[in-house]
């Protein structure tokens, strides 16, 4: 089993910043990609940003230039630095960890709430 735990959500004014953290733990598991997804009320979950163990990143167009994903491979921890936050960034943010050994699987955290007030 891989446990995925997010932290760092909260309430922030528009234009502000927040940093989310995601720790994936599992003794024998090797994690490849880690990603952040968000789900706004009444909308589908969408990819915000992802990063591979090699450091390749991918961002949703809506967050490019404002959000930065990074990772500490030794700790299997991913971070999402969010700047210039907008009310439309509000939602539940979920972390995903993609294991490749001993078997491939997507592991999800419980989510952390981000609310951006106008």
C-alpha atoms as a PDB file:
ATOM      1  CA  UNK A   1       0.000   0.000   0.000  1.00  0.00           C
ATOM      2  CA  UNK A   2       1.060   3.567  -0.685  1.00  0.00           C
ATOM      3  CA  UNK A   3      -0.223   6.276   1.581  1.00  0.00           C
ATOM      4  CA  UNK A   4      -0.584   9.712   0.035  1.00  0.00           C
ATOM      5  CA  UNK A   5      -1.017  12.652   2.376  1.00  0.00           C
ATOM      6  CA  UNK A   6      -1.590  16.236   1.264  1.00  0.00           C
ATOM      7  CA  UNK A   7      -1.175  19.363   3.351  1.00  0.00           C
ATOM      8  CA  UNK A   8      -0.995  23.114   2.977  1.00  0.00           C
ATOM      9  CA  UNK A   9      -4.460  24.093   1.817  1.00  0.00           C
ATOM     10  CA  UNK A  10      -6.339  27.024   3.230  1.00  0.00           C
ATOM     11  CA  UNK A  11      -8.064  30.328   2.616  1.00  0.00           C
ATOM     12  CA  UNK A  12      -6.205  33.052   0.761  1.00  0.00           C
ATOM     13  CA  UNK A  13      -7.105  36.309  -0.935  1.00  0.00           C
ATOM     14  CA  UNK A  14      -6.857  36.688  -4.678  1.00  0.00           C
ATOM     15  CA  UNK A  15      -3.294  37.487  -5.662  1.00  0.00           C
ATOM     16  CA  UNK A  16      -1.913  35.563  -2.724  1.00  0.00           C
ATOM     17  CA  UNK A  17       0.222  32.443  -2.528  1.00  0.00           C
ATOM     18  CA  UNK A  18       0.036  28.958  -1.061  1.00  0.00           C
ATOM     19  CA  UNK A  19       2.292  25.930  -1.170  1.00  0.00           C
ATOM     20  CA  UNK A  20       0.856  22.428  -1.064  1.00  0.00           C
ATOM     21  CA  UNK A  21       2.831  19.371  -0.017  1.00  0.00           C
ATOM     22  CA  UNK A  22       2.237  15.725  -0.865  1.00  0.00           C
ATOM     23  CA  UNK A  23       4.049  12.850   0.795  1.00  0.00           C
ATOM     24  CA  UNK A  24       3.795   9.338  -0.652  1.00  0.00           C
ATOM     25  CA  UNK A  25       4.982   6.493   1.555  1.00  0.00           C
ATOM     26  CA  UNK A  26       5.184   2.781   0.924  1.00  0.00           C
ATOM     27  CA  UNK A  27       8.132   0.625   1.923  1.00  0.00           C
ATOM     28  CA  UNK A  28       8.782  -1.358  -1.230  1.00  0.00           C
ATOM     29  CA  UNK A  29       7.075   0.859  -3.753  1.00  0.00           C
ATOM     30  CA  UNK A  30       8.846   2.846  -6.424  1.00  0.00           C
ATOM     31  CA  UNK A  31       7.017   5.995  -7.430  1.00  0.00           C
ATOM     32  CA  UNK A  32       7.370   7.449 -10.898  1.00  0.00           C
ATOM     33  CA  UNK A  33       5.094  10.383 -11.618  1.00  0.00           C
ATOM     34  CA  UNK A  34       3.387  12.501  -8.993  1.00  0.00           C
ATOM     35  CA  UNK A  35       0.706  14.978  -9.819  1.00  0.00           C
ATOM     36  CA  UNK A  36      -1.740  17.490  -8.461  1.00  0.00           C
ATOM     37  CA  UNK A  37      -5.363  17.492  -9.551  1.00  0.00           C
ATOM     38  CA  UNK A  38      -8.171  19.767  -8.501  1.00  0.00           C
ATOM     39  CA  UNK A  39     -11.913  19.558  -8.470  1.00  0.00           C
ATOM     40  CA  UNK A  40     -14.093  22.628  -8.275  1.00  0.00           C
ATOM     41  CA  UNK A  41     -17.694  22.324  -7.094  1.00  0.00           C
ATOM     42  CA  UNK A  42     -19.837  20.867  -9.843  1.00  0.00           C
ATOM     43  CA  UNK A  43     -16.885  20.207 -12.115  1.00  0.00           C
ATOM     44  CA  UNK A  44     -14.764  17.226 -13.055  1.00  0.00           C
ATOM     45  CA  UNK A  45     -11.383  16.606 -11.539  1.00  0.00           C
ATOM     46  CA  UNK A  46      -8.639  18.071 -13.730  1.00  0.00           C
ATOM     47  CA  UNK A  47      -4.880  17.828 -13.881  1.00  0.00           C
ATOM     48  CA  UNK A  48      -3.105  20.885 -12.526  1.00  0.00           C
ATOM     49  CA  UNK A  49       0.530  19.793 -12.735  1.00  0.00           C
ATOM     50  CA  UNK A  50       2.617  16.650 -12.758  1.00  0.00           C
ATOM     51  CA  UNK A  51       6.267  15.738 -12.408  1.00  0.00           C
ATOM     52  CA  UNK A  52       8.167  12.551 -13.163  1.00  0.00           C
ATOM     53  CA  UNK A  53      11.002  11.098 -11.106  1.00  0.00           C
ATOM     54  CA  UNK A  54      13.313  12.480 -13.780  1.00  0.00           C
ATOM     55  CA  UNK A  55      11.991  15.990 -13.274  1.00  0.00           C
ATOM     56  CA  UNK A  56       9.861  16.412 -16.381  1.00  0.00           C
ATOM     57  CA  UNK A  57       6.894  18.639 -15.675  1.00  0.00           C
ATOM     58  CA  UNK A  58       3.522  19.248 -17.218  1.00  0.00           C
ATOM     59  CA  UNK A  59       1.056  22.043 -16.409  1.00  0.00           C
ATOM     60  CA  UNK A  60      -2.509  22.906 -17.226  1.00  0.00           C
ATOM     61  CA  UNK A  61      -2.659  25.987 -19.432  1.00  0.00           C
ATOM     62  CA  UNK A  62      -4.659  27.820 -16.774  1.00  0.00           C
ATOM     63  CA  UNK A  63      -1.802  27.665 -14.242  1.00  0.00           C
ATOM     64  CA  UNK A  64       1.270  28.068 -16.426  1.00  0.00           C
ATOM     65  CA  UNK A  65       3.467  30.874 -15.162  1.00  0.00           C
ATOM     66  CA  UNK A  66       1.722  30.935 -11.774  1.00  0.00           C
ATOM     67  CA  UNK A  67       2.186  27.431 -10.339  1.00  0.00           C
ATOM     68  CA  UNK A  68       5.399  25.467  -9.942  1.00  0.00           C
ATOM     69  CA  UNK A  69       5.605  21.770  -9.150  1.00  0.00           C
ATOM     70  CA  UNK A  70       8.739  20.326  -7.615  1.00  0.00           C
ATOM     71  CA  UNK A  71       9.767  17.112  -5.983  1.00  0.00           C
ATOM     72  CA  UNK A  72      12.129  15.544  -3.487  1.00  0.00           C
ATOM     73  CA  UNK A  73      12.674  12.026  -4.839  1.00  0.00           C
ATOM     74  CA  UNK A  74      14.435  10.818  -1.698  1.00  0.00           C
ATOM     75  CA  UNK A  75      11.316  11.625   0.307  1.00  0.00           C
ATOM     76  CA  UNK A  76       8.744  10.881  -2.410  1.00  0.00           C
ATOM     77  CA  UNK A  77       7.350  14.293  -1.672  1.00  0.00           C
ATOM     78  CA  UNK A  78       5.931  16.700  -4.220  1.00  0.00           C
ATOM     79  CA  UNK A  79       5.214  20.379  -3.765  1.00  0.00           C
ATOM     80  CA  UNK A  80       2.935  22.754  -5.597  1.00  0.00           C
ATOM     81  CA  UNK A  81       3.864  26.395  -5.217  1.00  0.00           C
ATOM     82  CA  UNK A  82       0.903  28.542  -6.195  1.00  0.00           C
ATOM     83  CA  UNK A  83       1.237  32.271  -6.816  1.00  0.00           C
ATOM     84  CA  UNK A  84      -1.083  34.973  -8.113  1.00  0.00           C
ATOM     85  CA  UNK A  85      -4.038  32.872  -7.028  1.00  0.00           C
ATOM     86  CA  UNK A  86      -7.424  33.547  -8.588  1.00  0.00           C
ATOM     87  CA  UNK A  87     -10.923  32.737  -7.330  1.00  0.00           C
ATOM     88  CA  UNK A  88     -11.189  30.143 -10.106  1.00  0.00           C
ATOM     89  CA  UNK A  89      -8.319  28.236  -8.479  1.00  0.00           C
ATOM     90  CA  UNK A  90     -10.693  27.356  -5.653  1.00  0.00           C
ATOM     91  CA  UNK A  91     -11.315  23.667  -5.187  1.00  0.00           C
ATOM     92  CA  UNK A  92     -10.224  20.449  -3.587  1.00  0.00           C
ATOM     93  CA  UNK A  93      -6.646  19.604  -4.534  1.00  0.00           C
ATOM     94  CA  UNK A  94      -5.710  15.945  -4.729  1.00  0.00           C
ATOM     95  CA  UNK A  95      -2.287  14.402  -5.020  1.00  0.00           C
ATOM     96  CA  UNK A  96      -1.685  11.366  -7.169  1.00  0.00           C
ATOM     97  CA  UNK A  97       1.300   9.024  -7.008  1.00  0.00           C
ATOM     98  CA  UNK A  98       1.951   6.546  -9.794  1.00  0.00           C
ATOM     99  CA  UNK A  99       3.783   3.445  -8.587  1.00  0.00           C
ATOM    100  CA  UNK A 100       5.747   1.313 -11.041  1.00  0.00           C
ATOM    101  CA  UNK A 101       7.115  -1.365  -8.673  1.00  0.00           C
ATOM    102  CA  UNK A 102       6.178  -3.919  -7.433  1.00  0.00           C
ATOM    103  CA  UNK A 103       3.083  -3.149  -9.485  1.00  0.00           C
ATOM    104  CA  UNK A 104       1.673  -0.225 -11.378  1.00  0.00           C
ATOM    105  CA  UNK A 105      -1.132   1.663  -9.683  1.00  0.00           C
ATOM    106  CA  UNK A 106      -2.466   5.142  -9.096  1.00  0.00           C
ATOM    107  CA  UNK A 107      -2.657   6.151  -5.446  1.00  0.00           C
ATOM    108  CA  UNK A 108      -4.700   9.119  -4.282  1.00  0.00           C
ATOM    109  CA  UNK A 109      -4.726  11.265  -1.206  1.00  0.00           C
ATOM    110  CA  UNK A 110      -7.812  12.522   0.587  1.00  0.00           C
ATOM    111  CA  UNK A 111      -7.383  16.042  -0.753  1.00  0.00           C
ATOM    112  CA  UNK A 112      -6.781  19.464   0.705  1.00  0.00           C
ATOM    113  CA  UNK A 113      -9.087  22.413   0.257  1.00  0.00           C
ATOM    114  CA  UNK A 114      -7.967  25.678  -1.359  1.00  0.00           C
ATOM    115  CA  UNK A 115     -10.286  28.668  -1.238  1.00  0.00           C
ATOM    116  CA  UNK A 116      -9.380  31.915  -2.972  1.00  0.00           C
ATOM    117  CA  UNK A 117     -11.537  34.879  -2.038  1.00  0.00           C
ATOM    118  CA  UNK A 118     -12.050  37.828  -4.368  1.00  0.00           C
END
